[in-house]
Each structure stands twice: as structure tokens, then as C-alpha cells.
Amino acid sequence: MEPTMTKKATAGPGKKKHKTATASAGGPETKLSQLESLLRRKEGATIAQIAAALDWQPHSVRGAMSGSLKKKQGLTISNQMTEDGRRVYRIA
């Protein structure tokens, strides 16, 4: 009988560990911490503003808000439609 080969579970080239959203004192600010600070502003932020600030696609912004901020960190993100039809997001 020939010995069987087993595969090891390794992270591929596109799989990285996620950093925490808050930057340490004096350390580099992560994109998730930038996203969080945009949402914590009094006026909030639109998807377009966040996408431009972080150089992300709109679907990536929505995914980060849903996955990293809401599900992983447990933050509550509210949104409000403005009179001109824009949706503004804020951390409640």
C-alpha cells in the first residue's frame, strides 16, 4: 500500500488576518479605523464619501460596515435619508 498524502490548510495569497479597527497610539491608522471615524462624525457620511476617502468600491464599504463594524465589533450603524435623496450613515 502506498502512503496517503494529506494537504495542510494554509492561507492563500489573498487571505490575510484582519487588523483591529482602532489604531494603537502612535501607530498607523487602518482603513477600518478611518471608516469608523467617518461614521462617528456628527454629520455622518455617505457611501460615496467613504468610498472616495478610503479609495474603496461602494460594495466594499457596505461589506465592511456590515461585517467588520456591525457583526464583529457589535456597533450599531443607523442611516437616514436626506431631503435631496442621499442616505447618510452614522454610528449610533
Protein backbone atom coordinates (compact mmCIF):
# COMPACT_ATOMS: atom_id res chain seq x y z
CA MET A 1 0.00 0.00 0.00
CA GLU A 2 1.10 3.48 -0.81
CA PRO A 3 1.02 6.12 1.91
CA THR A 4 -1.77 8.63 1.50
CA MET A 5 -0.96 12.29 1.05
CA THR A 6 -2.70 14.85 3.19
CA LYS A 7 -2.99 18.54 2.47
CA LYS A 8 -2.19 21.14 5.05
CA ALA A 9 -4.59 24.03 5.45
CA THR A 10 -2.61 27.10 4.53
CA ALA A 11 -3.69 30.64 3.88
CA GLY A 12 -3.58 31.51 0.21
CA PRO A 13 -2.09 34.70 -1.20
CA GLY A 14 -5.32 36.69 -0.81
CA LYS A 15 -6.08 35.65 2.76
CA LYS A 16 -4.83 37.96 5.49
CA LYS A 17 -5.66 38.31 9.13
CA HIS A 18 -7.83 41.31 9.88
CA LYS A 19 -6.41 44.10 11.98
CA THR A 20 -8.45 45.69 14.71
CA ALA A 21 -10.41 48.73 13.68
CA THR A 22 -8.87 51.09 16.21
CA ALA A 23 -5.31 52.16 15.65
CA SER A 24 -2.90 52.00 18.55
CA ALA A 25 -1.49 55.21 19.96
CA GLY A 26 1.13 56.49 17.56
CA GLY A 27 0.61 53.59 15.15
CA PRO A 28 -0.67 53.72 11.60
CA GLU A 29 -4.39 54.26 11.17
CA THR A 30 -6.11 51.33 9.45
CA LYS A 31 -8.80 51.73 6.82
CA LEU A 32 -11.36 50.23 9.21
CA SER A 33 -10.45 52.81 11.85
CA GLN A 34 -10.78 55.53 9.21
CA LEU A 35 -14.20 54.14 8.29
CA GLU A 36 -15.23 54.15 11.93
CA SER A 37 -14.10 57.75 12.42
CA LEU A 38 -16.03 58.86 9.32
CA LEU A 39 -19.17 57.24 10.70
CA ARG A 40 -18.65 58.75 14.15
CA ARG A 41 -18.70 62.31 12.78
CA LYS A 42 -21.71 64.40 13.77
CA GLU A 43 -22.79 64.74 10.14
CA GLY A 44 -22.10 61.08 9.36
CA ALA A 45 -21.02 60.03 5.86
CA THR A 46 -22.50 58.75 2.63
CA ILE A 47 -21.29 55.64 0.83
CA ALA A 48 -19.80 57.87 -1.90
CA GLN A 49 -17.88 59.98 0.64
CA ILE A 50 -16.49 56.90 2.37
CA ALA A 51 -15.57 55.21 -0.91
CA ALA A 52 -13.69 58.33 -2.05
CA ALA A 53 -11.90 58.78 1.30
CA LEU A 54 -10.78 55.14 1.53
CA ASP A 55 -10.33 54.50 -2.20
CA TRP A 56 -12.77 51.58 -2.00
CA GLN A 57 -15.63 50.43 -4.18
CA PRO A 58 -19.14 51.12 -2.77
CA HIS A 59 -19.82 47.40 -2.27
CA SER A 60 -16.65 47.12 -0.17
CA VAL A 61 -17.82 49.99 2.04
CA ARG A 62 -21.18 48.32 2.63
CA GLY A 63 -19.48 44.98 3.32
CA ALA A 64 -17.05 46.49 5.82
CA MET A 65 -19.88 48.26 7.64
CA SER A 66 -21.93 45.08 7.78
CA GLY A 67 -19.19 42.59 8.52
CA SER A 68 -16.43 44.31 10.45
CA LEU A 69 -18.27 47.04 12.27
CA LYS A 70 -21.74 45.57 12.86
CA LYS A 71 -21.10 41.83 13.19
CA LYS A 72 -17.56 41.64 14.57
CA GLN A 73 -17.44 44.80 16.71
CA GLY A 74 -21.13 44.94 17.55
CA LEU A 75 -21.57 48.60 16.62
CA THR A 76 -25.00 49.94 15.68
CA ILE A 77 -24.99 51.79 12.37
CA SER A 78 -28.02 53.91 11.61
CA ASN A 79 -28.90 55.58 8.35
CA GLN A 80 -31.12 58.47 7.41
CA MET A 81 -32.40 59.66 4.04
CA THR A 82 -31.77 63.36 3.45
CA GLU A 83 -34.14 65.70 1.62
CA ASP A 84 -32.01 65.51 -1.52
CA GLY A 85 -32.24 61.70 -1.59
CA ARG A 86 -28.83 60.81 -0.16
CA ARG A 87 -28.51 58.19 2.55
CA VAL A 88 -26.24 59.25 5.44
CA TYR A 89 -24.77 56.60 7.75
CA ARG A 90 -23.72 57.14 11.39
CA ILE A 91 -22.62 55.05 14.33
CA ALA A 92 -25.47 55.33 16.79
